[in-house]
Amino acid sequence: YVDVEPVAVATTRHLLEGNDHAGVVHADVRDPDAVLDSPE
């Protein structure tokens, strides 16, 4: 998942705790390099 809104990112991280096959990047989708080059 990718979103720039802090509540969206925080709640997604909470929801995904313990899920090794899903994650979230806190980034603006208009910055593809920040998304694609992220550790996630």
ModelCIF file with pLDDT and N, C-alpha, C, O atoms, coordinates in Angstrom:
data_MODEL
#
_entry.id   MODEL 
#
_entity.id                         1 
_entity.type                       polymer 
_entity.pdbx_number_of_molecules   1 
#
_entity_poly.entity_id                      1 
_entity_poly.type                           'polypeptide(L)' 
_entity_poly.nstd_linkage                   no 
_entity_poly.nstd_monomer                   no 
_entity_poly.pdbx_seq_one_letter_code       YVDVEPVAVATTRHLLEGNDHAGVVHADVRDPDAVLDSPE 
_entity_poly.pdbx_seq_one_letter_code_can   YVDVEPVAVATTRHLLEGNDHAGVVHADVRDPDAVLDSPE 
_entity_poly.pdbx_strand_id                 A 
#
loop_
_entity_poly_seq.entity_id 
_entity_poly_seq.num 
_entity_poly_seq.mon_id 
_entity_poly_seq.hetero 
1 1  TYR n 
1 2  VAL n 
1 3  ASP n 
1 4  VAL n 
1 5  GLU n 
1 6  PRO n 
1 7  VAL n 
1 8  ALA n 
1 9  VAL n 
1 10 ALA n 
1 11 THR n 
1 12 THR n 
1 13 ARG n 
1 14 HIS n 
1 15 LEU n 
1 16 LEU n 
1 17 GLU n 
1 18 GLY n 
1 19 ASN n 
1 20 ASP n 
1 21 HIS n 
1 22 ALA n 
1 23 GLY n 
1 24 VAL n 
1 25 VAL n 
1 26 HIS n 
1 27 ALA n 
1 28 ASP n 
1 29 VAL n 
1 30 ARG n 
1 31 ASP n 
1 32 PRO n 
1 33 ASP n 
1 34 ALA n 
1 35 VAL n 
1 36 LEU n 
1 37 ASP n 
1 38 SER n 
1 39 PRO n 
1 40 GLU n 
#
_struct_asym.id          A 
_struct_asym.entity_id   1 
#
loop_
_ma_qa_metric.id 
_ma_qa_metric.mode 
_ma_qa_metric.name 
_ma_qa_metric.software_group_id 
_ma_qa_metric.type 
1 global pLDDT . pLDDT 
2 local  pLDDT . pLDDT 
#
_ma_qa_metric_global.metric_id      1 
_ma_qa_metric_global.metric_value   92.85 
_ma_qa_metric_global.model_id       1 
_ma_qa_metric_global.ordinal_id     1 
#
loop_
_ma_qa_metric_local.label_asym_id 
_ma_qa_metric_local.label_comp_id 
_ma_qa_metric_local.label_seq_id 
_ma_qa_metric_local.metric_id 
_ma_qa_metric_local.metric_value 
_ma_qa_metric_local.model_id 
_ma_qa_metric_local.ordinal_id 
A TYR 1  2 97.00 1 1  
A VAL 2  2 97.00 1 2  
A ASP 3  2 93.00 1 3  
A VAL 4  2 90.00 1 4  
A GLU 5  2 83.00 1 5  
A PRO 6  2 83.00 1 6  
A VAL 7  2 79.00 1 7  
A ALA 8  2 82.00 1 8  
A VAL 9  2 89.00 1 9  
A ALA 10 2 85.00 1 10 
A THR 11 2 82.00 1 11 
A THR 12 2 88.00 1 12 
A ARG 13 2 90.00 1 13 
A HIS 14 2 85.00 1 14 
A LEU 15 2 85.00 1 15 
A LEU 16 2 93.00 1 16 
A GLU 17 2 92.00 1 17 
A GLY 18 2 94.00 1 18 
A ASN 19 2 95.00 1 19 
A ASP 20 2 96.00 1 20 
A HIS 21 2 97.00 1 21 
A ALA 22 2 97.00 1 22 
A GLY 23 2 97.00 1 23 
A VAL 24 2 97.00 1 24 
A VAL 25 2 97.00 1 25 
A HIS 26 2 96.00 1 26 
A ALA 27 2 96.00 1 27 
A ASP 28 2 95.00 1 28 
A VAL 29 2 96.00 1 29 
A ARG 30 2 95.00 1 30 
A ASP 31 2 97.00 1 31 
A PRO 32 2 97.00 1 32 
A ASP 33 2 97.00 1 33 
A ALA 34 2 97.00 1 34 
A VAL 35 2 98.00 1 35 
A LEU 36 2 98.00 1 36 
A ASP 37 2 97.00 1 37 
A SER 38 2 98.00 1 38 
A PRO 39 2 97.00 1 39 
A GLU 40 2 97.00 1 40 
#
loop_
_atom_site.group_PDB 
_atom_site.id 
_atom_site.type_symbol 
_atom_site.label_atom_id 
_atom_site.label_alt_id 
_atom_site.label_comp_id 
_atom_site.label_asym_id 
_atom_site.label_entity_id 
_atom_site.label_seq_id 
_atom_site.pdbx_PDB_ins_code 
_atom_site.Cartn_x 
_atom_site.Cartn_y 
_atom_site.Cartn_z 
_atom_site.occupancy 
_atom_site.B_iso_or_equiv 
_atom_site.pdbx_formal_charge 
_atom_site.auth_seq_id 
_atom_site.auth_comp_id 
_atom_site.auth_asym_id 
_atom_site.auth_atom_id 
_atom_site.pdbx_PDB_model_num 
ATOM 1   N N  . TYR A 1 1  ? 0.834  -1.182  0.000  1.00 97.00 ? 1  TYR A N  1 
ATOM 2   C CA . TYR A 1 1  ? 0.000  0.000   0.000  1.00 97.00 ? 1  TYR A CA 1 
ATOM 3   C C  . TYR A 1 1  ? 0.882  1.250   0.000  1.00 97.00 ? 1  TYR A C  1 
ATOM 4   O O  . TYR A 1 1  ? 1.984  1.239   0.547  1.00 97.00 ? 1  TYR A O  1 
ATOM 5   N N  . VAL A 1 2  ? 0.388  2.324   -0.616 1.00 97.00 ? 2  VAL A N  1 
ATOM 6   C CA . VAL A 1 2  ? 1.117  3.590   -0.640 1.00 97.00 ? 2  VAL A CA 1 
ATOM 7   C C  . VAL A 1 2  ? 0.145  4.722   -0.358 1.00 97.00 ? 2  VAL A C  1 
ATOM 8   O O  . VAL A 1 2  ? -0.890 4.836   -1.015 1.00 97.00 ? 2  VAL A O  1 
ATOM 9   N N  . ASP A 1 3  ? 0.473  5.557   0.616  1.00 93.00 ? 3  ASP A N  1 
ATOM 10  C CA . ASP A 1 3  ? -0.343 6.743   0.871  1.00 93.00 ? 3  ASP A CA 1 
ATOM 11  C C  . ASP A 1 3  ? 0.504  7.802   1.564  1.00 93.00 ? 3  ASP A C  1 
ATOM 12  O O  . ASP A 1 3  ? 1.503  7.496   2.214  1.00 93.00 ? 3  ASP A O  1 
ATOM 13  N N  . VAL A 1 4  ? 0.081  9.056   1.411  1.00 90.00 ? 4  VAL A N  1 
ATOM 14  C CA . VAL A 1 4  ? 0.797  10.172  2.030  1.00 90.00 ? 4  VAL A CA 1 
ATOM 15  C C  . VAL A 1 4  ? 0.093  10.661  3.288  1.00 90.00 ? 4  VAL A C  1 
ATOM 16  O O  . VAL A 1 4  ? 0.672  11.417  4.069  1.00 90.00 ? 4  VAL A O  1 
ATOM 17  N N  . GLU A 1 5  ? -1.163 10.234  3.493  1.00 83.00 ? 5  GLU A N  1 
ATOM 18  C CA . GLU A 1 5  ? -1.953 10.727  4.621  1.00 83.00 ? 5  GLU A CA 1 
ATOM 19  C C  . GLU A 1 5  ? -1.540 9.980   5.896  1.00 83.00 ? 5  GLU A C  1 
ATOM 20  O O  . GLU A 1 5  ? -1.617 8.752   5.926  1.00 83.00 ? 5  GLU A O  1 
ATOM 21  N N  . PRO A 1 6  ? -1.103 10.687  6.949  1.00 83.00 ? 6  PRO A N  1 
ATOM 22  C CA . PRO A 1 6  ? -0.553 10.013  8.126  1.00 83.00 ? 6  PRO A CA 1 
ATOM 23  C C  . PRO A 1 6  ? -1.512 9.041   8.806  1.00 83.00 ? 6  PRO A C  1 
ATOM 24  O O  . PRO A 1 6  ? -1.089 7.971   9.245  1.00 83.00 ? 6  PRO A O  1 
ATOM 25  N N  . VAL A 1 7  ? -2.798 9.391   8.902  1.00 79.00 ? 7  VAL A N  1 
ATOM 26  C CA . VAL A 1 7  ? -3.752 8.482   9.536  1.00 79.00 ? 7  VAL A CA 1 
ATOM 27  C C  . VAL A 1 7  ? -3.884 7.201   8.715  1.00 79.00 ? 7  VAL A C  1 
ATOM 28  O O  . VAL A 1 7  ? -3.952 6.105   9.272  1.00 79.00 ? 7  VAL A O  1 
ATOM 29  N N  . ALA A 1 8  ? -3.920 7.345   7.384  1.00 82.00 ? 8  ALA A N  1 
ATOM 30  C CA . ALA A 1 8  ? -4.007 6.171   6.517  1.00 82.00 ? 8  ALA A CA 1 
ATOM 31  C C  . ALA A 1 8  ? -2.817 5.248   6.735  1.00 82.00 ? 8  ALA A C  1 
ATOM 32  O O  . ALA A 1 8  ? -2.981 4.033   6.843  1.00 82.00 ? 8  ALA A O  1 
ATOM 33  N N  . VAL A 1 9  ? -1.621 5.823   6.798  1.00 89.00 ? 9  VAL A N  1 
ATOM 34  C CA . VAL A 1 9  ? -0.408 5.012   6.954  1.00 89.00 ? 9  VAL A CA 1 
ATOM 35  C C  . VAL A 1 9  ? -0.368 4.357   8.331  1.00 89.00 ? 9  VAL A C  1 
ATOM 36  O O  . VAL A 1 9  ? -0.065 3.169   8.447  1.00 89.00 ? 9  VAL A O  1 
ATOM 37  N N  . ALA A 1 10 ? -0.672 5.128   9.374  1.00 85.00 ? 10 ALA A N  1 
ATOM 38  C CA . ALA A 1 10 ? -0.610 4.594   10.737 1.00 85.00 ? 10 ALA A CA 1 
ATOM 39  C C  . ALA A 1 10 ? -1.609 3.463   10.947 1.00 85.00 ? 10 ALA A C  1 
ATOM 40  O O  . ALA A 1 10 ? -1.278 2.437   11.541 1.00 85.00 ? 10 ALA A O  1 
ATOM 41  N N  . THR A 1 11 ? -2.822 3.651   10.462 1.00 82.00 ? 11 THR A N  1 
ATOM 42  C CA . THR A 1 11 ? -3.832 2.611   10.652 1.00 82.00 ? 11 THR A CA 1 
ATOM 43  C C  . THR A 1 11 ? -3.532 1.374   9.799  1.00 82.00 ? 11 THR A C  1 
ATOM 44  O O  . THR A 1 11 ? -3.818 0.249   10.207 1.00 82.00 ? 11 THR A O  1 
ATOM 45  N N  . THR A 1 12 ? -2.956 1.590   8.615  1.00 88.00 ? 12 THR A N  1 
ATOM 46  C CA . THR A 1 12 ? -2.570 0.453   7.782  1.00 88.00 ? 12 THR A CA 1 
ATOM 47  C C  . THR A 1 12 ? -1.482 -0.357  8.472  1.00 88.00 ? 12 THR A C  1 
ATOM 48  O O  . THR A 1 12 ? -1.539 -1.586  8.498  1.00 88.00 ? 12 THR A O  1 
ATOM 49  N N  . ARG A 1 13 ? -0.492 0.333   9.030  1.00 90.00 ? 13 ARG A N  1 
ATOM 50  C CA . ARG A 1 13 ? 0.578  -0.386  9.740  1.00 90.00 ? 13 ARG A CA 1 
ATOM 51  C C  . ARG A 1 13 ? 0.016  -1.204  10.900 1.00 90.00 ? 13 ARG A C  1 
ATOM 52  O O  . ARG A 1 13 ? 0.433  -2.337  11.140 1.00 90.00 ? 13 ARG A O  1 
ATOM 53  N N  . HIS A 1 14 ? -0.931 -0.613  11.607 1.00 85.00 ? 14 HIS A N  1 
ATOM 54  C CA . HIS A 1 14 ? -1.554 -1.340  12.719 1.00 85.00 ? 14 HIS A CA 1 
ATOM 55  C C  . HIS A 1 14 ? -2.287 -2.578  12.209 1.00 85.00 ? 14 HIS A C  1 
ATOM 56  O O  . HIS A 1 14 ? -2.177 -3.661  12.785 1.00 85.00 ? 14 HIS A O  1 
ATOM 57  N N  . LEU A 1 15 ? -3.034 -2.403  11.124 1.00 85.00 ? 15 LEU A N  1 
ATOM 58  C CA . LEU A 1 15 ? -3.814 -3.505  10.575 1.00 85.00 ? 15 LEU A CA 1 
ATOM 59  C C  . LEU A 1 15 ? -2.927 -4.637  10.094 1.00 85.00 ? 15 LEU A C  1 
ATOM 60  O O  . LEU A 1 15 ? -3.316 -5.803  10.162 1.00 85.00 ? 15 LEU A O  1 
ATOM 61  N N  . LEU A 1 16 ? -1.733 -4.306  9.606  1.00 93.00 ? 16 LEU A N  1 
ATOM 62  C CA . LEU A 1 16 ? -0.867 -5.299  8.981  1.00 93.00 ? 16 LEU A CA 1 
ATOM 63  C C  . LEU A 1 16 ? 0.131  -5.940  9.937  1.00 93.00 ? 16 LEU A C  1 
ATOM 64  O O  . LEU A 1 16 ? 0.974  -6.732  9.515  1.00 93.00 ? 16 LEU A O  1 
ATOM 65  N N  . GLU A 1 17 ? 0.044  -5.607  11.206 1.00 92.00 ? 17 GLU A N  1 
ATOM 66  C CA . GLU A 1 17 ? 0.968  -6.207  12.169 1.00 92.00 ? 17 GLU A CA 1 
ATOM 67  C C  . GLU A 1 17 ? 0.888  -7.740  12.100 1.00 92.00 ? 17 GLU A C  1 
ATOM 68  O O  . GLU A 1 17 ? -0.191 -8.325  12.194 1.00 92.00 ? 17 GLU A O  1 
ATOM 69  N N  . GLY A 1 18 ? 2.051  -8.367  11.935 1.00 94.00 ? 18 GLY A N  1 
ATOM 70  C CA . GLY A 1 18 ? 2.102  -9.813  11.850 1.00 94.00 ? 18 GLY A CA 1 
ATOM 71  C C  . GLY A 1 18 ? 1.872  -10.374 10.462 1.00 94.00 ? 18 GLY A C  1 
ATOM 72  O O  . GLY A 1 18 ? 1.953  -11.587 10.268 1.00 94.00 ? 18 GLY A O  1 
ATOM 73  N N  . ASN A 1 19 ? 1.584  -9.507  9.477  1.00 95.00 ? 19 ASN A N  1 
ATOM 74  C CA . ASN A 1 19 ? 1.367  -9.958  8.101  1.00 95.00 ? 19 ASN A CA 1 
ATOM 75  C C  . ASN A 1 19 ? 2.661  -9.718  7.315  1.00 95.00 ? 19 ASN A C  1 
ATOM 76  O O  . ASN A 1 19 ? 2.967  -8.586  6.942  1.00 95.00 ? 19 ASN A O  1 
ATOM 77  N N  . ASP A 1 20 ? 3.412  -10.791 7.069  1.00 96.00 ? 20 ASP A N  1 
ATOM 78  C CA . ASP A 1 20 ? 4.705  -10.661 6.404  1.00 96.00 ? 20 ASP A CA 1 
ATOM 79  C C  . ASP A 1 20 ? 4.597  -10.431 4.902  1.00 96.00 ? 20 ASP A C  1 
ATOM 80  O O  . ASP A 1 20 ? 5.595  -10.133 4.246  1.00 96.00 ? 20 ASP A O  1 
ATOM 81  N N  . HIS A 1 21 ? 3.404  -10.566 4.361  1.00 97.00 ? 21 HIS A N  1 
ATOM 82  C CA . HIS A 1 21 ? 3.226  -10.446 2.917  1.00 97.00 ? 21 HIS A CA 1 
ATOM 83  C C  . HIS A 1 21 ? 2.525  -9.150  2.513  1.00 97.00 ? 21 HIS A C  1 
ATOM 84  O O  . HIS A 1 21 ? 2.091  -9.010  1.369  1.00 97.00 ? 21 HIS A O  1 
ATOM 85  N N  . ALA A 1 22 ? 2.413  -8.214  3.432  1.00 97.00 ? 22 ALA A N  1 
ATOM 86  C CA . ALA A 1 22 ? 1.783  -6.929  3.109  1.00 97.00 ? 22 ALA A CA 1 
ATOM 87  C C  . ALA A 1 22 ? 2.472  -5.822  3.895  1.00 97.00 ? 22 ALA A C  1 
ATOM 88  O O  . ALA A 1 22 ? 2.925  -6.032  5.020  1.00 97.00 ? 22 ALA A O  1 
ATOM 89  N N  . GLY A 1 23 ? 2.546  -4.642  3.288  1.00 97.00 ? 23 GLY A N  1 
ATOM 90  C CA . GLY A 1 23 ? 3.181  -3.512  3.953  1.00 97.00 ? 23 GLY A CA 1 
ATOM 91  C C  . GLY A 1 23 ? 2.670  -2.204  3.400  1.00 97.00 ? 23 GLY A C  1 
ATOM 92  O O  . GLY A 1 23 ? 1.827  -2.178  2.504  1.00 97.00 ? 23 GLY A O  1 
ATOM 93  N N  . VAL A 1 24 ? 3.189  -1.115  3.946  1.00 97.00 ? 24 VAL A N  1 
ATOM 94  C CA . VAL A 1 24 ? 2.755  0.209   3.511  1.00 97.00 ? 24 VAL A CA 1 
ATOM 95  C C  . VAL A 1 24 ? 3.962  1.127   3.429  1.00 97.00 ? 24 VAL A C  1 
ATOM 96  O O  . VAL A 1 24 ? 4.873  1.048   4.254  1.00 97.00 ? 24 VAL A O  1 
ATOM 97  N N  . VAL A 1 25 ? 3.962  2.000   2.427  1.00 97.00 ? 25 VAL A N  1 
ATOM 98  C CA . VAL A 1 25 ? 4.981  3.029   2.254  1.00 97.00 ? 25 VAL A CA 1 
ATOM 99  C C  . VAL A 1 25 ? 4.330  4.385   2.486  1.00 97.00 ? 25 VAL A C  1 
ATOM 100 O O  . VAL A 1 25 ? 3.296  4.693   1.894  1.00 97.00 ? 25 VAL A O  1 
ATOM 101 N N  . HIS A 1 26 ? 4.934  5.188   3.343  1.00 96.00 ? 26 HIS A N  1 
ATOM 102 C CA . HIS A 1 26 ? 4.466  6.551   3.560  1.00 96.00 ? 26 HIS A CA 1 
ATOM 103 C C  . HIS A 1 26 ? 5.155  7.434   2.532  1.00 96.00 ? 26 HIS A C  1 
ATOM 104 O O  . HIS A 1 26 ? 6.294  7.859   2.723  1.00 96.00 ? 26 HIS A O  1 
ATOM 105 N N  . ALA A 1 27 ? 4.447  7.706   1.438  1.00 96.00 ? 27 ALA A N  1 
ATOM 106 C CA . ALA A 1 27 ? 5.033  8.482   0.342  1.00 96.00 ? 27 ALA A CA 1 
ATOM 107 C C  . ALA A 1 27 ? 3.930  9.078   -0.513 1.00 96.00 ? 27 ALA A C  1 
ATOM 108 O O  . ALA A 1 27 ? 2.786  8.624   -0.491 1.00 96.00 ? 27 ALA A O  1 
ATOM 109 N N  . ASP A 1 28 ? 4.295  10.094  -1.257 1.00 95.00 ? 28 ASP A N  1 
ATOM 110 C CA . ASP A 1 28 ? 3.392  10.705  -2.230 1.00 95.00 ? 28 ASP A CA 1 
ATOM 111 C C  . ASP A 1 28 ? 3.462  9.885   -3.510 1.00 95.00 ? 28 ASP A C  1 
ATOM 112 O O  . ASP A 1 28 ? 4.547  9.668   -4.049 1.00 95.00 ? 28 ASP A O  1 
ATOM 113 N N  . VAL A 1 29 ? 2.321  9.430   -3.996 1.00 96.00 ? 29 VAL A N  1 
ATOM 114 C CA . VAL A 1 29 ? 2.322  8.580   -5.196 1.00 96.00 ? 29 VAL A CA 1 
ATOM 115 C C  . VAL A 1 29 ? 2.879  9.312   -6.401 1.00 96.00 ? 29 VAL A C  1 
ATOM 116 O O  . VAL A 1 29 ? 3.268  8.682   -7.384 1.00 96.00 ? 29 VAL A O  1 
ATOM 117 N N  . ARG A 1 30 ? 2.923  10.651  -6.335 1.00 95.00 ? 30 ARG A N  1 
ATOM 118 C CA . ARG A 1 30 ? 3.481  11.434  -7.437 1.00 95.00 ? 30 ARG A CA 1 
ATOM 119 C C  . ARG A 1 30 ? 5.007  11.411  -7.450 1.00 95.00 ? 30 ARG A C  1 
ATOM 120 O O  . ARG A 1 30 ? 5.634  12.045  -8.300 1.00 95.00 ? 30 ARG A O  1 
ATOM 121 N N  . ASP A 1 31 ? 5.599  10.685  -6.515 1.00 97.00 ? 31 ASP A N  1 
ATOM 122 C CA . ASP A 1 31 ? 7.048  10.502  -6.458 1.00 97.00 ? 31 ASP A CA 1 
ATOM 123 C C  . ASP A 1 31 ? 7.350  9.012   -6.619 1.00 97.00 ? 31 ASP A C  1 
ATOM 124 O O  . ASP A 1 31 ? 7.654  8.333   -5.639 1.00 97.00 ? 31 ASP A O  1 
ATOM 125 N N  . PRO A 1 32 ? 7.268  8.506   -7.841 1.00 97.00 ? 32 PRO A N  1 
ATOM 126 C CA . PRO A 1 32 ? 7.425  7.059   -8.047 1.00 97.00 ? 32 PRO A CA 1 
ATOM 127 C C  . PRO A 1 32 ? 8.744  6.508   -7.526 1.00 97.00 ? 32 PRO A C  1 
ATOM 128 O O  . PRO A 1 32 ? 8.783  5.386   -7.022 1.00 97.00 ? 32 PRO A O  1 
ATOM 129 N N  . ASP A 1 33 ? 9.823  7.273   -7.636 1.00 97.00 ? 33 ASP A N  1 
ATOM 130 C CA . ASP A 1 33 ? 11.108 6.756   -7.177 1.00 97.00 ? 33 ASP A CA 1 
ATOM 131 C C  . ASP A 1 33 ? 11.091 6.491   -5.675 1.00 97.00 ? 33 ASP A C  1 
ATOM 132 O O  . ASP A 1 33 ? 11.659 5.503   -5.211 1.00 97.00 ? 33 ASP A O  1 
ATOM 133 N N  . ALA A 1 34 ? 10.436 7.381   -4.907 1.00 97.00 ? 34 ALA A N  1 
ATOM 134 C CA . ALA A 1 34 ? 10.347 7.178   -3.462 1.00 97.00 ? 34 ALA A CA 1 
ATOM 135 C C  . ALA A 1 34 ? 9.595  5.893   -3.138 1.00 97.00 ? 34 ALA A C  1 
ATOM 136 O O  . ALA A 1 34 ? 9.892  5.224   -2.148 1.00 97.00 ? 34 ALA A O  1 
ATOM 137 N N  . VAL A 1 35 ? 8.628  5.555   -3.971 1.00 98.00 ? 35 VAL A N  1 
ATOM 138 C CA . VAL A 1 35 ? 7.850  4.330   -3.764 1.00 98.00 ? 35 VAL A CA 1 
ATOM 139 C C  . VAL A 1 35 ? 8.631  3.109   -4.228 1.00 98.00 ? 35 VAL A C  1 
ATOM 140 O O  . VAL A 1 35 ? 8.801  2.147   -3.479 1.00 98.00 ? 35 VAL A O  1 
ATOM 141 N N  . LEU A 1 36 ? 9.103  3.157   -5.466 1.00 98.00 ? 36 LEU A N  1 
ATOM 142 C CA . LEU A 1 36 ? 9.732  1.980   -6.065 1.00 98.00 ? 36 LEU A CA 1 
ATOM 143 C C  . LEU A 1 36 ? 11.088 1.659   -5.452 1.00 98.00 ? 36 LEU A C  1 
ATOM 144 O O  . LEU A 1 36 ? 11.509 0.502   -5.446 1.00 98.00 ? 36 LEU A O  1 
ATOM 145 N N  . ASP A 1 37 ? 11.776 2.679   -4.934 1.00 97.00 ? 37 ASP A N  1 
ATOM 146 C CA . ASP A 1 37 ? 13.089 2.456   -4.321 1.00 97.00 ? 37 ASP A CA 1 
ATOM 147 C C  . ASP A 1 37 ? 13.009 2.241   -2.815 1.00 97.00 ? 37 ASP A C  1 
ATOM 148 O O  . ASP A 1 37 ? 14.036 2.163   -2.142 1.00 97.00 ? 37 ASP A O  1 
ATOM 149 N N  . SER A 1 38 ? 11.798 2.146   -2.288 1.00 98.00 ? 38 SER A N  1 
ATOM 150 C CA . SER A 1 38 ? 11.635 1.991   -0.840 1.00 98.00 ? 38 SER A CA 1 
ATOM 151 C C  . SER A 1 38 ? 12.033 0.583   -0.402 1.00 98.00 ? 38 SER A C  1 
ATOM 152 O O  . SER A 1 38 ? 11.940 -0.360  -1.188 1.00 98.00 ? 38 SER A O  1 
ATOM 153 N N  . PRO A 1 39 ? 12.474 0.436   0.847  1.00 97.00 ? 39 PRO A N  1 
ATOM 154 C CA . PRO A 1 39 ? 12.778 -0.907  1.377  1.00 97.00 ? 39 PRO A CA 1 
ATOM 155 C C  . PRO A 1 39 ? 11.574 -1.839  1.326  1.00 97.00 ? 39 PRO A C  1 
ATOM 156 O O  . PRO A 1 39 ? 11.715 -3.043  1.110  1.00 97.00 ? 39 PRO A O  1 
ATOM 157 N N  . GLU A 1 40 ? 10.384 -1.266  1.527  1.00 97.00 ? 40 GLU A N  1 
ATOM 158 C CA . GLU A 1 40 ? 9.172  -2.091  1.508  1.00 97.00 ? 40 GLU A CA 1 
ATOM 159 C C  . GLU A 1 40 ? 8.930  -2.689  0.119  1.00 97.00 ? 40 GLU A C  1 
ATOM 160 O O  . GLU A 1 40 ? 7.953  -3.411  -0.080 1.00 97.00 ? 40 GLU A O  1 
#
